[in-house]
């Protein structure tokens, strides 16, 4: 049993269309997690999703501007 395995888990990663966010999402997927990608740039998020599908995990993509959320 892998103590760092994420099988059966889901992870949401913001800023996931490129750079560090995409790398984190890839690492989580390679560890077994299904991934929800959230990013501002809807032109880049779908290609990121397609790339992560190669890991064999479920991947959802949601363009969203985190700065437009209401304060809690």
C-alpha atoms as a PDB file:
ATOM      1  CA  UNK A   1       0.000   0.000   0.000  1.00  0.00           C
ATOM      2  CA  UNK A   2       1.325   3.425  -0.993  1.00  0.00           C
ATOM      3  CA  UNK A   3       1.055   5.805   2.004  1.00  0.00           C
ATOM      4  CA  UNK A   4       1.073   8.744  -0.407  1.00  0.00           C
ATOM      5  CA  UNK A   5      -1.466   7.275  -2.823  1.00  0.00           C
ATOM      6  CA  UNK A   6      -4.543   9.340  -3.547  1.00  0.00           C
ATOM      7  CA  UNK A   7      -6.729   6.646  -5.102  1.00  0.00           C
ATOM      8  CA  UNK A   8     -10.403   7.423  -4.591  1.00  0.00           C
ATOM      9  CA  UNK A   9      -9.714  11.073  -3.745  1.00  0.00           C
ATOM     10  CA  UNK A  10     -10.552  14.233  -5.689  1.00  0.00           C
ATOM     11  CA  UNK A  11      -8.425  17.371  -5.758  1.00  0.00           C
ATOM     12  CA  UNK A  12      -9.315  20.880  -6.896  1.00  0.00           C
ATOM     13  CA  UNK A  13      -6.401  22.946  -8.164  1.00  0.00           C
ATOM     14  CA  UNK A  14      -6.709  26.675  -8.881  1.00  0.00           C
ATOM     15  CA  UNK A  15      -4.458  28.358 -11.414  1.00  0.00           C
ATOM     16  CA  UNK A  16      -4.290  24.991 -13.115  1.00  0.00           C
ATOM     17  CA  UNK A  17      -4.121  25.951 -16.784  1.00  0.00           C
ATOM     18  CA  UNK A  18      -0.322  26.345 -16.815  1.00  0.00           C
ATOM     19  CA  UNK A  19       2.870  26.582 -14.798  1.00  0.00           C
ATOM     20  CA  UNK A  20       2.967  25.578 -11.146  1.00  0.00           C
ATOM     21  CA  UNK A  21      -0.784  24.906 -10.915  1.00  0.00           C
ATOM     22  CA  UNK A  22      -0.700  22.510 -13.861  1.00  0.00           C
ATOM     23  CA  UNK A  23       2.375  20.770 -12.435  1.00  0.00           C
ATOM     24  CA  UNK A  24       0.655  20.316  -9.077  1.00  0.00           C
ATOM     25  CA  UNK A  25      -2.441  18.947 -10.812  1.00  0.00           C
ATOM     26  CA  UNK A  26      -0.286  16.490 -12.776  1.00  0.00           C
ATOM     27  CA  UNK A  27       1.453  15.297  -9.601  1.00  0.00           C
ATOM     28  CA  UNK A  28      -1.866  14.757  -7.848  1.00  0.00           C
ATOM     29  CA  UNK A  29      -3.258  12.874 -10.850  1.00  0.00           C
ATOM     30  CA  UNK A  30      -0.142  10.709 -11.095  1.00  0.00           C
ATOM     31  CA  UNK A  31      -0.637   9.884  -7.398  1.00  0.00           C
ATOM     32  CA  UNK A  32      -4.148   8.631  -8.172  1.00  0.00           C
ATOM     33  CA  UNK A  33      -6.473  11.576  -7.557  1.00  0.00           C
ATOM     34  CA  UNK A  34      -9.221  12.684  -9.921  1.00  0.00           C
ATOM     35  CA  UNK A  35      -8.735  16.371 -10.684  1.00  0.00           C
ATOM     36  CA  UNK A  36     -10.907  19.474 -10.903  1.00  0.00           C
ATOM     37  CA  UNK A  37      -9.028  22.210 -12.754  1.00  0.00           C
ATOM     38  CA  UNK A  38      -9.996  25.821 -12.043  1.00  0.00           C
ATOM     39  CA  UNK A  39      -8.416  28.679 -13.958  1.00  0.00           C
ATOM     40  CA  UNK A  40      -9.197  32.122 -15.280  1.00  0.00           C
ATOM     41  CA  UNK A  41      -8.066  31.493 -18.866  1.00  0.00           C
ATOM     42  CA  UNK A  42     -10.727  29.375 -20.558  1.00  0.00           C
ATOM     43  CA  UNK A  43      -8.539  29.194 -23.681  1.00  0.00           C
ATOM     44  CA  UNK A  44      -5.864  27.248 -21.789  1.00  0.00           C
ATOM     45  CA  UNK A  45      -7.874  25.178 -19.357  1.00  0.00           C
ATOM     46  CA  UNK A  46      -9.280  22.730 -21.911  1.00  0.00           C
ATOM     47  CA  UNK A  47      -5.822  21.904 -23.365  1.00  0.00           C
ATOM     48  CA  UNK A  48      -4.618  21.385 -19.777  1.00  0.00           C
ATOM     49  CA  UNK A  49      -7.534  19.009 -19.169  1.00  0.00           C
ATOM     50  CA  UNK A  50      -6.732  17.072 -22.334  1.00  0.00           C
ATOM     51  CA  UNK A  51      -3.101  16.740 -21.232  1.00  0.00           C
ATOM     52  CA  UNK A  52      -4.056  15.426 -17.794  1.00  0.00           C
ATOM     53  CA  UNK A  53      -6.495  12.893 -19.245  1.00  0.00           C
ATOM     54  CA  UNK A  54      -3.350  11.042 -20.379  1.00  0.00           C
ATOM     55  CA  UNK A  55      -2.788  10.104 -16.715  1.00  0.00           C
ATOM     56  CA  UNK A  56      -5.887   7.910 -16.873  1.00  0.00           C
ATOM     57  CA  UNK A  57      -7.680   9.914 -14.174  1.00  0.00           C
ATOM     58  CA  UNK A  58     -11.003  11.743 -14.419  1.00  0.00           C
ATOM     59  CA  UNK A  59     -10.403  15.439 -15.063  1.00  0.00           C
ATOM     60  CA  UNK A  60     -12.929  18.273 -15.048  1.00  0.00           C
ATOM     61  CA  UNK A  61     -12.180  21.846 -16.142  1.00  0.00           C
ATOM     62  CA  UNK A  62     -13.991  24.951 -14.908  1.00  0.00           C
ATOM     63  CA  UNK A  63     -13.017  28.449 -16.040  1.00  0.00           C
ATOM     64  CA  UNK A  64     -13.591  30.727 -13.065  1.00  0.00           C
ATOM     65  CA  UNK A  65     -12.270  34.034 -11.747  1.00  0.00           C
ATOM     66  CA  UNK A  66     -11.517  33.513  -8.043  1.00  0.00           C
ATOM     67  CA  UNK A  67     -11.338  37.287  -7.545  1.00  0.00           C
ATOM     68  CA  UNK A  68     -15.032  37.651  -8.354  1.00  0.00           C
ATOM     69  CA  UNK A  69     -16.207  35.542  -5.438  1.00  0.00           C
ATOM     70  CA  UNK A  70     -18.022  37.141  -2.534  1.00  0.00           C
ATOM     71  CA  UNK A  71     -16.300  37.503   0.804  1.00  0.00           C
ATOM     72  CA  UNK A  72     -17.416  34.913   3.306  1.00  0.00           C
END
